[in-house]
N, C-alpha and C. Protein backbone atom coordinates (compact mmCIF):
# COMPACT_ATOMS: atom_id res chain seq x y z
N UNK A 1 52.30 -34.36 -27.47
CA UNK A 1 51.98 -32.94 -27.46
C UNK A 1 50.47 -32.71 -27.64
N UNK A 2 49.83 -33.53 -28.47
CA UNK A 2 48.41 -33.34 -28.71
C UNK A 2 47.59 -33.74 -27.49
N UNK A 3 48.10 -34.67 -26.67
CA UNK A 3 47.39 -35.06 -25.46
C UNK A 3 47.36 -33.88 -24.49
N UNK A 4 48.49 -33.18 -24.41
CA UNK A 4 48.56 -31.99 -23.53
C UNK A 4 47.58 -30.92 -23.99
N UNK A 5 47.48 -30.69 -25.26
CA UNK A 5 46.54 -29.70 -25.77
C UNK A 5 45.09 -30.13 -25.51
N UNK A 6 44.83 -31.40 -25.66
CA UNK A 6 43.48 -31.91 -25.40
C UNK A 6 43.11 -31.72 -23.93
N UNK A 7 44.04 -32.01 -23.03
CA UNK A 7 43.78 -31.83 -21.60
C UNK A 7 43.55 -30.37 -21.28
N UNK A 8 44.38 -29.50 -21.84
CA UNK A 8 44.20 -28.06 -21.62
C UNK A 8 42.86 -27.58 -22.17
N UNK A 9 42.48 -28.07 -23.33
CA UNK A 9 41.21 -27.66 -23.93
C UNK A 9 40.03 -28.14 -23.09
N UNK A 10 40.11 -29.36 -22.60
CA UNK A 10 39.03 -29.90 -21.77
C UNK A 10 38.94 -29.15 -20.45
N UNK A 11 40.10 -28.89 -19.82
CA UNK A 11 40.06 -28.16 -18.54
C UNK A 11 39.58 -26.72 -18.75
N UNK A 12 39.98 -26.10 -19.84
CA UNK A 12 39.50 -24.74 -20.13
C UNK A 12 38.00 -24.71 -20.38
N UNK A 13 37.50 -25.70 -21.11
CA UNK A 13 36.06 -25.78 -21.38
C UNK A 13 35.29 -26.04 -20.09
N UNK A 14 35.86 -26.88 -19.18
CA UNK A 14 35.15 -27.12 -17.91
C UNK A 14 35.09 -25.88 -17.06
N UNK A 15 36.17 -25.10 -17.02
CA UNK A 15 36.15 -23.86 -16.24
C UNK A 15 35.11 -22.89 -16.81
N UNK A 16 35.07 -22.76 -18.12
CA UNK A 16 34.08 -21.89 -18.74
C UNK A 16 32.66 -22.39 -18.50
N UNK A 17 32.46 -23.70 -18.54
CA UNK A 17 31.13 -24.25 -18.30
C UNK A 17 30.69 -23.99 -16.87
N UNK A 18 31.61 -24.15 -15.93
CA UNK A 18 31.26 -23.87 -14.53
C UNK A 18 30.98 -22.39 -14.31
N UNK A 19 31.75 -21.53 -14.97
CA UNK A 19 31.53 -20.09 -14.83
C UNK A 19 30.20 -19.67 -15.43
N UNK A 20 29.74 -20.38 -16.42
CA UNK A 20 28.47 -20.04 -17.07
C UNK A 20 27.26 -20.55 -16.30
N UNK A 21 27.48 -21.31 -15.25
CA UNK A 21 26.36 -21.88 -14.50
C UNK A 21 25.68 -20.88 -13.58
N UNK A 22 26.15 -19.67 -13.53
CA UNK A 22 25.55 -18.68 -12.65
C UNK A 22 24.15 -18.36 -13.14
N UNK A 23 23.17 -18.41 -12.23
CA UNK A 23 21.79 -18.13 -12.62
C UNK A 23 21.37 -16.72 -12.23
N UNK A 24 22.26 -15.97 -11.64
CA UNK A 24 21.90 -14.63 -11.18
C UNK A 24 22.23 -13.59 -12.25
N UNK A 25 21.25 -12.78 -12.57
CA UNK A 25 21.49 -11.71 -13.53
C UNK A 25 22.18 -10.54 -12.85
N UNK A 26 21.85 -10.32 -11.57
CA UNK A 26 22.45 -9.25 -10.80
C UNK A 26 23.58 -9.82 -9.95
N UNK A 27 24.78 -9.28 -10.06
CA UNK A 27 25.89 -9.80 -9.27
C UNK A 27 25.66 -9.57 -7.78
N UNK A 28 26.08 -10.52 -6.99
CA UNK A 28 25.92 -10.44 -5.54
C UNK A 28 27.30 -10.31 -4.94
N UNK A 29 27.52 -9.26 -4.18
CA UNK A 29 28.83 -9.06 -3.55
C UNK A 29 28.95 -9.80 -2.23
N UNK A 30 27.90 -9.78 -1.44
CA UNK A 30 27.96 -10.38 -0.12
C UNK A 30 27.32 -11.76 -0.21
N UNK A 31 28.13 -12.79 -0.07
CA UNK A 31 27.61 -14.15 -0.16
C UNK A 31 27.29 -14.63 1.25
N UNK A 32 26.03 -14.80 1.55
CA UNK A 32 25.63 -15.33 2.84
C UNK A 32 25.66 -16.85 2.78
N UNK A 33 25.82 -17.46 3.92
CA UNK A 33 25.88 -18.92 3.95
C UNK A 33 24.55 -19.52 3.52
N UNK A 34 23.47 -18.90 3.87
CA UNK A 34 22.16 -19.42 3.52
C UNK A 34 21.39 -18.35 2.76
N UNK A 35 20.81 -18.72 1.64
CA UNK A 35 20.02 -17.78 0.87
C UNK A 35 18.55 -17.84 1.25
N UNK A 36 18.19 -18.74 2.19
CA UNK A 36 16.80 -18.86 2.59
C UNK A 36 16.41 -17.72 3.51
N UNK A 37 15.18 -17.30 3.39
CA UNK A 37 14.66 -16.24 4.24
C UNK A 37 13.76 -16.85 5.29
N UNK A 38 14.19 -16.87 6.53
CA UNK A 38 13.38 -17.39 7.61
C UNK A 38 12.67 -16.25 8.32
N UNK A 39 12.04 -16.55 9.43
CA UNK A 39 11.36 -15.50 10.18
C UNK A 39 12.36 -14.53 10.79
N UNK A 40 11.97 -13.29 10.90
CA UNK A 40 12.82 -12.26 11.51
C UNK A 40 12.55 -12.25 13.00
N UNK A 41 13.51 -12.75 13.78
CA UNK A 41 13.28 -12.84 15.21
C UNK A 41 13.20 -11.47 15.87
N UNK A 42 13.72 -10.44 15.23
CA UNK A 42 13.63 -9.11 15.80
C UNK A 42 12.31 -8.43 15.44
N UNK A 43 11.57 -9.01 14.53
CA UNK A 43 10.28 -8.45 14.14
C UNK A 43 9.15 -8.91 15.04
N UNK A 44 9.42 -9.84 15.92
CA UNK A 44 8.40 -10.36 16.82
C UNK A 44 8.41 -9.54 18.10
N UNK A 45 7.33 -8.84 18.35
CA UNK A 45 7.24 -8.01 19.55
C UNK A 45 6.20 -8.60 20.50
N UNK A 46 6.52 -8.62 21.77
CA UNK A 46 5.53 -9.15 22.71
C UNK A 46 4.34 -8.21 22.81
N UNK A 47 3.19 -8.77 23.02
CA UNK A 47 1.99 -7.95 23.17
C UNK A 47 1.82 -7.57 24.64
N UNK A 48 0.97 -6.60 24.86
CA UNK A 48 0.66 -6.20 26.23
C UNK A 48 -0.23 -7.28 26.85
N UNK A 49 -0.24 -7.38 28.16
CA UNK A 49 -1.10 -8.40 28.78
C UNK A 49 -2.59 -8.12 28.51
N UNK A 50 -3.36 -9.18 28.37
CA UNK A 50 -4.80 -9.03 28.15
C UNK A 50 -5.43 -8.49 29.42
N UNK A 51 -6.44 -7.67 29.24
CA UNK A 51 -7.14 -7.10 30.39
C UNK A 51 -8.64 -7.13 30.14
N UNK A 52 -9.37 -7.28 31.20
CA UNK A 52 -10.83 -7.30 31.11
C UNK A 52 -11.35 -5.91 31.41
N UNK A 53 -12.07 -5.27 30.45
CA UNK A 53 -12.61 -3.94 30.73
C UNK A 53 -13.72 -4.01 31.78
N UNK A 54 -13.98 -2.87 32.40
CA UNK A 54 -15.04 -2.81 33.40
C UNK A 54 -16.39 -3.16 32.79
N UNK A 55 -16.59 -2.72 31.56
CA UNK A 55 -17.85 -2.99 30.88
C UNK A 55 -17.53 -3.50 29.47
N UNK A 56 -18.20 -4.53 29.02
CA UNK A 56 -17.95 -5.06 27.69
C UNK A 56 -18.41 -4.10 26.59
N UNK A 57 -19.21 -3.10 26.94
CA UNK A 57 -19.62 -2.11 25.94
C UNK A 57 -18.47 -1.17 25.59
N UNK A 58 -17.39 -1.17 26.40
CA UNK A 58 -16.21 -0.33 26.11
C UNK A 58 -15.34 -0.92 25.01
N UNK A 59 -15.56 -2.19 24.69
CA UNK A 59 -14.74 -2.84 23.67
C UNK A 59 -15.03 -2.23 22.30
N UNK A 60 -13.99 -2.02 21.50
CA UNK A 60 -14.22 -1.49 20.14
C UNK A 60 -14.84 -2.58 19.27
N UNK A 61 -15.47 -2.19 18.17
CA UNK A 61 -16.03 -3.20 17.27
C UNK A 61 -14.90 -4.02 16.64
N UNK A 62 -15.19 -5.25 16.25
CA UNK A 62 -14.15 -6.08 15.62
C UNK A 62 -13.58 -5.40 14.38
N UNK A 63 -12.29 -5.54 14.20
CA UNK A 63 -11.59 -4.88 13.10
C UNK A 63 -10.64 -5.90 12.46
N UNK A 64 -11.15 -6.81 11.61
CA UNK A 64 -10.28 -7.83 11.02
C UNK A 64 -9.11 -7.20 10.25
N UNK A 65 -7.91 -7.63 10.57
CA UNK A 65 -6.72 -7.10 9.90
C UNK A 65 -6.26 -5.77 10.44
N UNK A 66 -6.98 -5.19 11.36
CA UNK A 66 -6.60 -3.89 11.92
C UNK A 66 -5.78 -4.04 13.19
N UNK A 67 -5.59 -2.94 13.87
CA UNK A 67 -4.81 -2.94 15.09
C UNK A 67 -5.62 -3.51 16.25
N UNK A 68 -4.92 -4.13 17.15
CA UNK A 68 -5.53 -4.72 18.33
C UNK A 68 -5.18 -3.84 19.53
N UNK A 69 -5.99 -3.86 20.56
CA UNK A 69 -5.72 -3.03 21.74
C UNK A 69 -4.42 -3.43 22.43
N UNK A 70 -4.02 -4.70 22.32
CA UNK A 70 -2.81 -5.15 23.00
C UNK A 70 -1.58 -5.17 22.09
N UNK A 71 -1.75 -4.75 20.83
CA UNK A 71 -0.59 -4.68 19.94
C UNK A 71 0.36 -3.60 20.42
N UNK A 72 1.67 -3.83 20.30
CA UNK A 72 2.62 -2.80 20.70
C UNK A 72 2.56 -1.60 19.75
N UNK A 73 2.66 -0.43 20.31
CA UNK A 73 2.69 0.81 19.54
C UNK A 73 3.88 1.63 20.03
N UNK A 74 5.08 1.32 19.55
CA UNK A 74 6.28 1.96 20.08
C UNK A 74 6.29 3.47 19.93
N UNK A 75 5.77 3.99 18.82
CA UNK A 75 5.75 5.45 18.63
C UNK A 75 4.85 6.13 19.66
N UNK A 76 3.68 5.54 19.87
CA UNK A 76 2.76 6.11 20.86
C UNK A 76 3.34 5.97 22.27
N UNK A 77 4.02 4.86 22.57
CA UNK A 77 4.62 4.67 23.89
C UNK A 77 5.72 5.70 24.14
N UNK A 78 6.52 5.99 23.12
CA UNK A 78 7.58 7.00 23.27
C UNK A 78 6.95 8.37 23.47
N UNK A 79 5.94 8.70 22.68
CA UNK A 79 5.27 10.01 22.82
C UNK A 79 4.66 10.14 24.20
N UNK A 80 4.04 9.08 24.69
CA UNK A 80 3.44 9.10 26.02
C UNK A 80 4.52 9.28 27.09
N UNK A 81 5.64 8.57 26.95
CA UNK A 81 6.72 8.65 27.94
C UNK A 81 7.36 10.04 27.97
N UNK A 82 7.38 10.71 26.82
CA UNK A 82 7.99 12.05 26.76
C UNK A 82 6.98 13.16 27.00
N UNK A 83 5.76 12.80 27.33
CA UNK A 83 4.75 13.81 27.63
C UNK A 83 4.04 14.36 26.43
N UNK A 84 4.14 13.68 25.28
CA UNK A 84 3.48 14.15 24.07
C UNK A 84 2.12 13.52 23.90
N UNK A 85 1.56 13.74 22.73
CA UNK A 85 0.24 13.22 22.40
C UNK A 85 0.40 11.89 21.66
N UNK A 86 0.05 10.74 22.28
CA UNK A 86 0.21 9.46 21.60
C UNK A 86 -0.62 9.33 20.34
N UNK A 87 -1.78 9.98 20.28
CA UNK A 87 -2.63 9.90 19.09
C UNK A 87 -1.95 10.57 17.90
N UNK A 88 -1.21 11.64 18.15
CA UNK A 88 -0.52 12.33 17.05
C UNK A 88 0.67 11.52 16.54
N UNK A 89 1.24 10.71 17.41
CA UNK A 89 2.41 9.91 17.02
C UNK A 89 2.05 8.79 16.07
N UNK A 90 0.82 8.29 16.15
CA UNK A 90 0.42 7.17 15.30
C UNK A 90 -0.56 7.57 14.21
N UNK A 91 -0.80 8.87 14.04
CA UNK A 91 -1.71 9.33 12.99
C UNK A 91 -1.10 9.00 11.62
N UNK A 92 -1.93 8.59 10.67
CA UNK A 92 -1.39 8.22 9.35
C UNK A 92 -0.70 9.39 8.68
N UNK A 93 0.46 9.10 8.08
CA UNK A 93 1.19 10.11 7.34
C UNK A 93 2.06 11.02 8.18
N UNK A 94 2.03 10.88 9.51
CA UNK A 94 2.83 11.77 10.34
C UNK A 94 4.02 11.06 10.98
N UNK A 95 4.13 9.76 10.76
CA UNK A 95 5.17 9.00 11.44
C UNK A 95 6.56 9.54 11.13
N UNK A 96 6.90 9.68 9.85
CA UNK A 96 8.23 10.15 9.49
C UNK A 96 8.17 11.45 8.69
N UNK A 97 7.03 12.10 8.73
CA UNK A 97 6.87 13.32 7.94
C UNK A 97 7.86 14.40 8.30
N UNK A 98 8.13 14.60 9.57
CA UNK A 98 9.09 15.62 9.99
C UNK A 98 10.49 15.32 9.50
N UNK A 99 10.88 14.07 9.57
CA UNK A 99 12.22 13.68 9.11
C UNK A 99 12.33 13.86 7.60
N UNK A 100 11.31 13.42 6.88
CA UNK A 100 11.33 13.55 5.41
C UNK A 100 11.37 15.03 5.02
N UNK A 101 10.56 15.86 5.67
CA UNK A 101 10.55 17.30 5.35
C UNK A 101 11.90 17.94 5.64
N UNK A 102 12.52 17.57 6.75
CA UNK A 102 13.82 18.15 7.09
C UNK A 102 14.90 17.69 6.11
N UNK A 103 14.87 16.41 5.75
CA UNK A 103 15.88 15.90 4.82
C UNK A 103 15.71 16.47 3.42
N UNK A 104 14.51 16.83 3.03
CA UNK A 104 14.28 17.34 1.68
C UNK A 104 14.13 18.86 1.65
N UNK A 105 14.61 19.53 2.67
CA UNK A 105 14.45 21.00 2.74
C UNK A 105 15.19 21.73 1.63
N UNK A 106 16.23 21.13 1.05
CA UNK A 106 16.96 21.77 -0.04
C UNK A 106 16.55 21.18 -1.39
N UNK A 107 15.47 20.42 -1.40
CA UNK A 107 14.98 19.82 -2.64
C UNK A 107 15.33 18.35 -2.69
N UNK A 108 14.66 17.66 -3.59
CA UNK A 108 14.92 16.23 -3.77
C UNK A 108 14.55 15.83 -5.18
N UNK A 109 15.18 14.76 -5.63
CA UNK A 109 14.88 14.23 -6.95
C UNK A 109 13.85 13.12 -6.81
N UNK A 110 12.91 13.08 -7.70
CA UNK A 110 11.84 12.10 -7.61
C UNK A 110 12.31 10.67 -7.85
N UNK A 111 13.15 10.44 -8.84
CA UNK A 111 13.55 9.07 -9.18
C UNK A 111 14.86 8.66 -8.55
N UNK A 112 15.19 9.20 -7.38
CA UNK A 112 16.51 8.96 -6.80
C UNK A 112 16.71 7.50 -6.42
N UNK A 113 15.68 6.82 -5.95
CA UNK A 113 15.84 5.41 -5.56
C UNK A 113 16.17 4.54 -6.77
N UNK A 114 15.46 4.76 -7.88
CA UNK A 114 15.74 3.99 -9.09
C UNK A 114 17.13 4.30 -9.63
N UNK A 115 17.52 5.57 -9.57
CA UNK A 115 18.83 5.97 -10.05
C UNK A 115 19.93 5.32 -9.21
N UNK A 116 19.80 5.37 -7.89
CA UNK A 116 20.80 4.75 -7.02
C UNK A 116 20.85 3.24 -7.20
N UNK A 117 19.70 2.61 -7.38
CA UNK A 117 19.67 1.17 -7.58
C UNK A 117 20.39 0.78 -8.87
N UNK A 118 20.18 1.54 -9.94
CA UNK A 118 20.84 1.21 -11.20
C UNK A 118 22.34 1.50 -11.13
N UNK A 119 22.74 2.57 -10.44
CA UNK A 119 24.17 2.86 -10.28
C UNK A 119 24.85 1.79 -9.43
N UNK A 120 24.17 1.33 -8.38
CA UNK A 120 24.76 0.28 -7.54
C UNK A 120 24.85 -1.03 -8.29
N UNK A 121 23.85 -1.35 -9.10
CA UNK A 121 23.91 -2.56 -9.91
C UNK A 121 25.09 -2.51 -10.87
N UNK A 122 25.30 -1.37 -11.50
CA UNK A 122 26.44 -1.23 -12.41
C UNK A 122 27.76 -1.36 -11.65
N UNK A 123 27.84 -0.79 -10.44
CA UNK A 123 29.05 -0.91 -9.62
C UNK A 123 29.30 -2.37 -9.25
N UNK A 124 28.24 -3.09 -8.88
CA UNK A 124 28.40 -4.49 -8.51
C UNK A 124 28.78 -5.34 -9.71
N UNK A 125 28.32 -4.99 -10.89
CA UNK A 125 28.72 -5.73 -12.10
C UNK A 125 30.21 -5.53 -12.40
N UNK A 126 30.70 -4.31 -12.16
CA UNK A 126 32.12 -4.03 -12.39
C UNK A 126 33.01 -4.67 -11.32
N UNK A 127 32.47 -4.92 -10.13
CA UNK A 127 33.27 -5.40 -9.02
C UNK A 127 32.79 -6.74 -8.48
N UNK A 128 32.46 -7.67 -9.34
CA UNK A 128 31.91 -8.93 -8.86
C UNK A 128 32.97 -9.98 -8.58
N UNK A 129 34.23 -9.63 -8.65
CA UNK A 129 35.29 -10.56 -8.29
C UNK A 129 35.89 -11.23 -9.50
N UNK A 130 37.03 -11.86 -9.25
CA UNK A 130 37.72 -12.58 -10.32
C UNK A 130 37.02 -13.91 -10.57
N UNK A 131 37.46 -14.59 -11.61
CA UNK A 131 36.81 -15.83 -12.03
C UNK A 131 36.77 -16.86 -10.90
N UNK A 132 37.89 -17.13 -10.25
CA UNK A 132 37.91 -18.15 -9.20
C UNK A 132 37.15 -17.69 -7.97
N UNK A 133 37.13 -16.39 -7.71
CA UNK A 133 36.35 -15.88 -6.58
C UNK A 133 34.86 -16.11 -6.83
N UNK A 134 34.42 -15.89 -8.03
CA UNK A 134 33.02 -16.15 -8.37
C UNK A 134 32.73 -17.65 -8.37
N UNK A 135 33.68 -18.42 -8.88
CA UNK A 135 33.51 -19.86 -8.97
C UNK A 135 33.36 -20.49 -7.59
N UNK A 136 34.15 -20.03 -6.61
CA UNK A 136 34.11 -20.62 -5.27
C UNK A 136 33.36 -19.75 -4.27
N UNK A 137 32.56 -18.80 -4.75
CA UNK A 137 31.72 -17.93 -3.91
C UNK A 137 32.52 -17.26 -2.80
N UNK A 138 33.63 -16.66 -3.17
CA UNK A 138 34.45 -15.92 -2.21
C UNK A 138 33.82 -14.55 -2.00
N UNK A 139 33.78 -14.11 -0.78
CA UNK A 139 33.19 -12.84 -0.43
C UNK A 139 34.09 -11.70 -0.91
N UNK A 140 33.60 -10.89 -1.85
CA UNK A 140 34.38 -9.76 -2.36
C UNK A 140 33.78 -8.43 -1.94
N UNK A 141 32.79 -8.47 -1.05
CA UNK A 141 32.09 -7.26 -0.63
C UNK A 141 33.03 -6.23 -0.03
N UNK A 142 33.83 -6.65 0.94
CA UNK A 142 34.69 -5.71 1.66
C UNK A 142 35.73 -5.08 0.74
N UNK A 143 36.32 -5.86 -0.15
CA UNK A 143 37.31 -5.32 -1.06
C UNK A 143 36.67 -4.35 -2.06
N UNK A 144 35.45 -4.65 -2.51
CA UNK A 144 34.80 -3.81 -3.51
C UNK A 144 34.42 -2.45 -2.94
N UNK A 145 33.98 -2.41 -1.68
CA UNK A 145 33.52 -1.15 -1.09
C UNK A 145 34.56 -0.51 -0.16
N UNK A 146 35.76 -1.05 -0.10
CA UNK A 146 36.76 -0.58 0.86
C UNK A 146 37.11 0.90 0.67
N UNK A 147 37.16 1.38 -0.57
CA UNK A 147 37.51 2.78 -0.80
C UNK A 147 36.46 3.74 -0.27
N UNK A 148 35.26 3.25 0.04
CA UNK A 148 34.19 4.11 0.56
C UNK A 148 34.17 4.15 2.09
N UNK A 149 34.97 3.33 2.73
CA UNK A 149 34.95 3.26 4.19
C UNK A 149 35.44 4.56 4.79
N UNK A 150 34.90 4.91 5.92
CA UNK A 150 35.32 6.09 6.66
C UNK A 150 36.38 5.68 7.67
N UNK A 151 37.53 6.33 7.64
CA UNK A 151 38.56 6.08 8.64
C UNK A 151 38.17 6.86 9.88
N UNK A 152 37.64 6.15 10.87
CA UNK A 152 37.09 6.82 12.04
C UNK A 152 38.15 7.58 12.82
N UNK A 153 39.38 7.10 12.86
CA UNK A 153 40.41 7.79 13.62
C UNK A 153 40.89 9.05 12.89
N UNK A 154 40.97 9.01 11.57
CA UNK A 154 41.34 10.21 10.82
C UNK A 154 40.23 11.26 10.94
N UNK A 155 38.98 10.82 10.91
CA UNK A 155 37.86 11.76 11.05
C UNK A 155 37.83 12.35 12.45
N UNK A 156 38.10 11.53 13.46
CA UNK A 156 38.17 12.02 14.83
C UNK A 156 39.26 13.07 14.98
N UNK A 157 40.42 12.81 14.39
CA UNK A 157 41.53 13.77 14.46
C UNK A 157 41.18 15.07 13.73
N UNK A 158 40.47 14.96 12.62
CA UNK A 158 40.06 16.16 11.88
C UNK A 158 39.14 17.02 12.73
N UNK A 159 38.19 16.40 13.43
CA UNK A 159 37.28 17.16 14.28
C UNK A 159 38.02 17.75 15.47
N UNK A 160 38.96 17.02 16.03
CA UNK A 160 39.73 17.55 17.16
C UNK A 160 40.58 18.74 16.74
N UNK A 161 41.18 18.67 15.55
CA UNK A 161 41.97 19.80 15.04
C UNK A 161 41.09 21.03 14.82
N UNK A 162 39.80 20.78 14.49
CA UNK A 162 38.87 21.89 14.28
C UNK A 162 38.38 22.49 15.60
N UNK A 163 38.78 21.87 16.73
CA UNK A 163 38.42 22.41 18.03
C UNK A 163 37.14 21.86 18.61
N UNK A 164 36.60 20.80 18.02
CA UNK A 164 35.38 20.20 18.52
C UNK A 164 35.73 19.21 19.63
N UNK A 165 35.03 19.32 20.76
CA UNK A 165 35.26 18.37 21.85
C UNK A 165 34.66 17.02 21.49
N UNK A 166 35.38 15.97 21.76
CA UNK A 166 34.91 14.62 21.48
C UNK A 166 35.10 13.76 22.72
N UNK A 167 34.33 14.02 23.78
CA UNK A 167 34.57 13.32 25.04
C UNK A 167 34.21 11.83 24.99
N UNK A 168 33.31 11.41 24.14
CA UNK A 168 32.89 10.01 24.13
C UNK A 168 33.64 9.19 23.08
N UNK A 169 34.61 9.78 22.42
CA UNK A 169 35.35 9.06 21.37
C UNK A 169 36.27 8.02 22.01
N UNK A 170 36.46 6.90 21.32
CA UNK A 170 37.36 5.87 21.87
C UNK A 170 38.80 6.36 21.82
N UNK A 171 39.65 5.81 22.66
CA UNK A 171 41.05 6.21 22.64
C UNK A 171 41.74 5.72 21.36
N UNK A 172 42.90 6.29 21.09
CA UNK A 172 43.66 5.90 19.91
C UNK A 172 44.09 4.43 20.03
N UNK A 173 44.12 3.68 18.92
CA UNK A 173 44.59 2.29 18.99
C UNK A 173 46.10 2.27 19.21
N UNK A 174 46.57 1.25 19.88
CA UNK A 174 48.02 1.16 20.14
C UNK A 174 48.71 0.34 19.12
C-alpha cells in the first residue's frame, strides 16, 4: 500500500513540477507552432522602376532615412487614381485623421487601450485552459472566445426580416 502512495505522490509532484515550468506571466490562448518572428513577406513592397531625370539638377538633396522617389506611396497613388491631391494624402497627421475624427464624434476615453489590454489579460488568465491543455500546449483560443462569435446566418436573417436587401450574401447552408 505504501508503494502505491509513493508512486502517486511522485507522479503528482512531477505533474505539478511540469505545470510550474511555464515562463510566461501572461497567458497565451493561441499557440502558434513557431514563436520566432521572421520577416513579414507582406510588408515588402516593390519599388517603382528607376528613372533618369532630364537634368541632374532636378534631383532632390540626399535625405538619409527619408523617403525615396521610387518608394511606394499607396495613399498618394490612390488619391491620384481617384482624382484627388496626392500631396494631401501623404501630409503628416492627415493619413487617418478623418477616420479618427468620425470614430470619436461621440467622445472617447483617453486610456481605452490600456483598459482593454488589462481586461483582455484578465480574461485570458481566467480562460487559459485546463491543466493538461496547458501542459501539452493545446489551443484553447476558439473555445475561450466562442461566445463572442457572430452567427453570420442569424445576423443575415435578422437583417432580412428588417427588410434590408442582402444581394451579395451567401446562400443558406444545407
